[in-house]
Amino acid sequence: MEIEKKVAFLKGLAEGLDIHKNEKEGKVISGILDVLEEMAEAITDIFESQIELEDQVDEIEEAVADIQEEIDIDYEDDFDDEMLELSCPDCGAKIIVEPELFENSNEEHIVCPDCGKLFDLDYDEEE
């Protein structure tokens, strides 16, 4: 990575200046360069991990999209063939029910799961 090359260059410059590590200034400069080198390594590790994570996220997104597509197709097929959609006259909530509710029941009312109000099932036999 570019940052590691820059730190290595700075270390080379410091060595070329013949800075003595036994002197106060030399100890400070040497310590700063050591910290910079560790930081550059850590940044490189983080960068590489980020690339791996991005690849994994892309794979997960593709898998979720495939699953979602499969679920949507199945849901739409089932919904079209086997479900009815009603609207609560009080709150307007959409209520999905099975047609068997009408065929196998003498109930003429339904309770809205959103607002809890009871409303009449007004339907024609043809519907």
Protein backbone atom coordinates (compact mmCIF):
# COMPACT_ATOMS: atom_id res chain seq x y z
CA MET A 1 0.00 0.00 0.00
CA GLU A 2 1.13 3.53 -0.67
CA ILE A 3 1.24 4.62 2.98
CA GLU A 4 3.70 1.84 3.89
CA LYS A 5 6.03 2.99 1.12
CA LYS A 6 5.90 6.56 2.40
CA VAL A 7 6.76 5.48 5.95
CA ALA A 8 9.64 3.36 4.65
CA PHE A 9 10.88 6.38 2.69
CA LEU A 10 10.76 8.55 5.83
CA LYS A 11 12.71 5.92 7.77
CA GLY A 12 15.31 5.89 5.03
CA LEU A 13 15.58 9.68 5.17
CA ALA A 14 16.05 9.56 8.95
CA GLU A 15 18.80 6.98 8.59
CA GLY A 16 20.45 9.09 5.89
CA LEU A 17 20.51 12.09 8.22
CA ASP A 18 22.59 10.02 10.63
CA ILE A 19 20.24 10.71 13.51
CA HIS A 20 21.58 9.01 16.59
CA LYS A 21 18.99 6.98 18.47
CA ASN A 22 20.88 7.61 21.70
CA GLU A 23 20.21 11.35 21.58
CA LYS A 24 16.92 12.85 22.75
CA GLU A 25 15.85 14.08 19.29
CA GLY A 26 16.85 10.80 17.70
CA LYS A 27 14.77 8.82 20.19
CA VAL A 28 11.72 10.98 19.45
CA ILE A 29 12.10 10.74 15.68
CA SER A 30 12.75 6.99 15.85
CA GLY A 31 9.70 6.51 18.09
CA ILE A 32 7.50 8.54 15.75
CA LEU A 33 8.66 6.52 12.76
CA ASP A 34 8.00 3.24 14.61
CA VAL A 35 4.46 4.38 15.45
CA LEU A 36 3.90 5.49 11.85
CA GLU A 37 5.06 2.07 10.64
CA GLU A 38 2.63 0.28 13.00
CA MET A 39 -0.20 2.59 11.94
CA ALA A 40 0.52 1.96 8.27
CA GLU A 41 0.41 -1.81 8.86
CA ALA A 42 -2.88 -1.49 10.79
CA ILE A 43 -4.42 0.65 8.06
CA THR A 44 -3.36 -1.86 5.43
CA ASP A 45 -4.93 -4.70 7.45
CA ILE A 46 -8.16 -2.72 7.84
CA PHE A 47 -8.21 -1.93 4.12
CA GLU A 48 -7.76 -5.60 3.20
CA SER A 49 -10.47 -6.64 5.67
CA GLN A 50 -12.81 -4.04 4.22
CA ILE A 51 -12.32 -5.45 0.72
CA GLU A 52 -13.10 -8.96 2.00
CA LEU A 53 -16.21 -7.70 3.80
CA GLU A 54 -17.42 -5.87 0.69
CA ASP A 55 -17.09 -9.10 -1.29
CA GLN A 56 -19.00 -11.01 1.39
CA VAL A 57 -21.74 -8.37 1.51
CA ASP A 58 -22.10 -8.56 -2.27
CA GLU A 59 -22.48 -12.35 -2.05
CA ILE A 60 -25.07 -12.00 0.73
CA GLU A 61 -27.01 -9.37 -1.23
CA GLU A 62 -27.13 -11.68 -4.24
CA ALA A 63 -28.31 -14.60 -2.09
CA VAL A 64 -31.00 -12.46 -0.44
CA ALA A 65 -32.16 -11.18 -3.83
CA ASP A 66 -32.43 -14.77 -5.09
CA ILE A 67 -34.40 -15.81 -2.01
CA GLN A 68 -36.61 -12.73 -2.21
CA GLU A 69 -37.33 -13.40 -5.87
CA GLU A 70 -38.26 -16.99 -5.08
CA ILE A 71 -40.49 -15.94 -2.18
CA ASP A 72 -42.17 -13.18 -4.20
CA ILE A 73 -42.94 -15.56 -7.04
CA ASP A 74 -44.40 -18.15 -4.68
CA TYR A 75 -46.29 -15.54 -2.69
CA GLU A 76 -47.78 -13.96 -5.80
CA ASP A 77 -48.85 -17.34 -7.16
CA ASP A 78 -50.42 -18.33 -3.84
CA PHE A 79 -51.99 -14.93 -3.32
CA ASP A 80 -53.56 -14.85 -6.76
CA ASP A 81 -54.98 -18.35 -6.47
CA GLU A 82 -55.82 -18.71 -2.80
CA MET A 83 -56.25 -15.36 -1.04
CA LEU A 84 -58.70 -12.47 -1.00
CA GLU A 85 -57.91 -8.93 0.00
CA LEU A 86 -60.45 -6.89 1.98
CA SER A 87 -60.29 -3.35 3.33
CA CYS A 88 -61.47 -2.37 6.78
CA PRO A 89 -64.20 0.23 6.31
CA ASP A 90 -63.16 1.95 9.54
CA CYS A 91 -59.36 2.30 9.29
CA GLY A 92 -58.73 1.20 5.69
CA ALA A 93 -56.28 -1.55 6.66
CA LYS A 94 -55.79 -4.28 4.09
CA ILE A 95 -56.87 -7.69 5.38
CA ILE A 96 -55.92 -10.84 3.51
CA VAL A 97 -58.18 -13.83 4.05
CA GLU A 98 -58.60 -17.27 2.59
CA PRO A 99 -61.72 -17.80 0.46
CA GLU A 100 -62.59 -20.79 2.66
CA LEU A 101 -63.56 -18.28 5.35
CA PHE A 102 -66.61 -17.48 3.28
CA GLU A 103 -67.33 -21.03 2.13
CA ASN A 104 -67.02 -22.87 5.44
CA SER A 105 -68.48 -20.32 7.80
CA ASN A 106 -71.77 -18.73 8.62
CA GLU A 107 -69.89 -15.68 9.90
CA GLU A 108 -71.03 -12.41 8.45
CA HIS A 109 -68.57 -10.29 10.43
CA ILE A 110 -64.81 -10.01 10.74
CA VAL A 111 -62.60 -8.25 13.26
CA CYS A 112 -59.97 -5.90 11.84
CA PRO A 113 -56.55 -6.93 13.17
CA ASP A 114 -55.36 -3.30 13.07
CA CYS A 115 -58.13 -1.33 14.76
CA GLY A 116 -60.10 -4.17 16.39
CA LYS A 117 -63.43 -3.00 14.97
CA LEU A 118 -66.04 -5.53 13.89
CA PHE A 119 -67.38 -5.04 10.38
CA ASP A 120 -69.85 -6.82 8.15
CA LEU A 121 -68.75 -9.02 5.31
CA ASP A 122 -70.78 -7.63 2.48
CA TYR A 123 -70.20 -9.90 -0.45
CA ASP A 124 -72.09 -11.43 -3.31
CA GLU A 125 -71.95 -15.14 -4.05
CA GLU A 126 -70.38 -14.23 -7.39
CA GLU A 127 -67.48 -12.39 -5.73
